[in-house]
Amino acid sequence: MGALIFYTFIYFIGYFSAHGFNTLMNRRLFNRRWAGLTGVCMVAILHAYRILNSTPPSGHDGNIMYDALGYYVVFPVGVITAVLLYLNWKDKNDSSSS
């Protein structure tokens, strides 16, 4: 659960950074949602690299690294991506119905 909160925080940093940059430039250069997801993906790649290149804790087999990778990286990024795809689908349906 903590990893999901961490990646959500990273998403909002990217989201509001893109919003601030768009406001500063006085036009829409970046899509805020996709900018937030890009930040999440960059942090997830670094996090996965760190997990895979560290030594496993003593008393655990090598398979624990892939379990940690799935639980702490793949799951939160998958949830955030699914929510963004749902919101984009919902916006597309709302704009086409009106």
Protein backbone atom coordinates (compact mmCIF):
# COMPACT_ATOMS: atom_id res chain seq x y z
CA MET A 1 0.00 0.00 0.00
CA GLY A 2 2.88 2.34 0.71
CA ALA A 3 4.27 1.91 -2.80
CA LEU A 4 0.93 2.90 -4.30
CA ILE A 5 0.86 6.05 -2.18
CA PHE A 6 4.47 6.81 -3.16
CA TYR A 7 3.79 6.45 -6.88
CA THR A 8 0.57 8.47 -6.57
CA PHE A 9 2.61 11.25 -4.95
CA ILE A 10 5.13 11.05 -7.82
CA TYR A 11 2.24 11.21 -10.30
CA PHE A 12 0.89 14.38 -8.74
CA ILE A 13 4.33 15.99 -8.76
CA GLY A 14 4.50 15.44 -12.53
CA TYR A 15 0.88 16.46 -13.00
CA PHE A 16 1.21 19.78 -11.21
CA SER A 17 4.64 20.46 -12.73
CA ALA A 18 3.11 20.16 -16.19
CA HIS A 19 0.21 22.35 -15.09
CA GLY A 20 2.60 24.99 -13.79
CA PHE A 21 4.68 24.86 -16.96
CA ASN A 22 1.56 25.19 -19.13
CA THR A 23 0.42 28.15 -17.05
CA LEU A 24 3.84 29.74 -17.24
CA MET A 25 3.95 29.42 -21.03
CA ASN A 26 0.33 30.57 -21.29
CA ARG A 27 -0.69 27.69 -23.57
CA ARG A 28 -1.15 23.94 -23.40
CA LEU A 29 2.12 22.28 -24.31
CA PHE A 30 1.86 19.12 -22.19
CA ASN A 31 -1.03 16.89 -21.30
CA ARG A 32 -0.96 16.89 -17.51
CA ARG A 33 -2.10 13.29 -17.11
CA TRP A 34 0.49 11.87 -19.47
CA ALA A 35 3.23 14.04 -17.96
CA GLY A 36 2.40 12.61 -14.53
CA LEU A 37 2.46 9.05 -15.92
CA THR A 38 5.83 9.72 -17.56
CA GLY A 39 7.26 10.75 -14.19
CA VAL A 40 5.85 7.60 -12.61
CA CYS A 41 7.39 5.41 -15.32
CA MET A 42 10.80 7.05 -14.95
CA VAL A 43 10.81 6.56 -11.18
CA ALA A 44 9.53 2.98 -11.61
CA ILE A 45 12.41 2.14 -13.95
CA LEU A 46 14.93 3.48 -11.45
CA HIS A 47 13.19 1.68 -8.60
CA ALA A 48 13.12 -1.63 -10.49
CA TYR A 49 16.79 -1.25 -11.37
CA ARG A 50 17.62 -0.69 -7.71
CA ILE A 51 15.60 -3.72 -6.58
CA LEU A 52 17.15 -6.05 -9.15
CA ASN A 53 20.73 -4.94 -8.51
CA SER A 54 20.63 -5.15 -4.74
CA THR A 55 21.49 -8.25 -2.77
CA PRO A 56 18.56 -10.16 -1.31
CA PRO A 57 18.14 -10.13 2.46
CA SER A 58 19.87 -12.95 4.30
CA GLY A 59 17.79 -16.07 4.67
CA HIS A 60 15.77 -15.46 1.51
CA ASP A 61 16.10 -17.06 -1.88
CA GLY A 62 16.67 -15.15 -5.13
CA ASN A 63 12.98 -15.31 -6.02
CA ILE A 64 12.15 -12.67 -3.43
CA MET A 65 13.54 -9.99 -5.76
CA TYR A 66 10.94 -10.69 -8.43
CA ASP A 67 8.17 -10.78 -5.85
CA ALA A 68 9.31 -7.37 -4.58
CA LEU A 69 9.49 -6.09 -8.15
CA GLY A 70 5.91 -7.15 -8.80
CA TYR A 71 4.53 -5.86 -5.52
CA TYR A 72 6.44 -2.59 -5.23
CA VAL A 73 6.77 -1.55 -8.87
CA VAL A 74 4.48 -3.35 -11.32
CA PHE A 75 1.32 -3.31 -9.20
CA PRO A 76 1.27 0.45 -8.38
CA VAL A 77 2.23 1.47 -11.91
CA GLY A 78 -0.46 -0.84 -13.29
CA VAL A 79 -3.11 0.64 -11.00
CA ILE A 80 -2.18 4.23 -11.90
CA THR A 81 -2.13 3.38 -15.62
CA ALA A 82 -5.52 1.66 -15.39
CA VAL A 83 -7.04 4.68 -13.64
CA LEU A 84 -5.63 7.07 -16.25
CA LEU A 85 -6.90 4.94 -19.13
CA TYR A 86 -10.33 4.81 -17.49
CA LEU A 87 -10.40 8.59 -17.04
CA ASN A 88 -9.35 9.18 -20.66
CA TRP A 89 -12.03 6.74 -21.85
CA LYS A 90 -14.61 8.48 -19.67
CA ASP A 91 -13.61 11.93 -21.01
CA LYS A 92 -13.80 10.66 -24.57
CA ASN A 93 -17.31 9.25 -24.01
CA ASP A 94 -18.47 12.45 -22.32
CA SER A 95 -17.21 14.64 -25.17
CA SER A 96 -18.66 12.41 -27.91
CA SER A 97 -22.11 12.18 -26.29
CA SER A 98 -22.57 15.95 -25.99
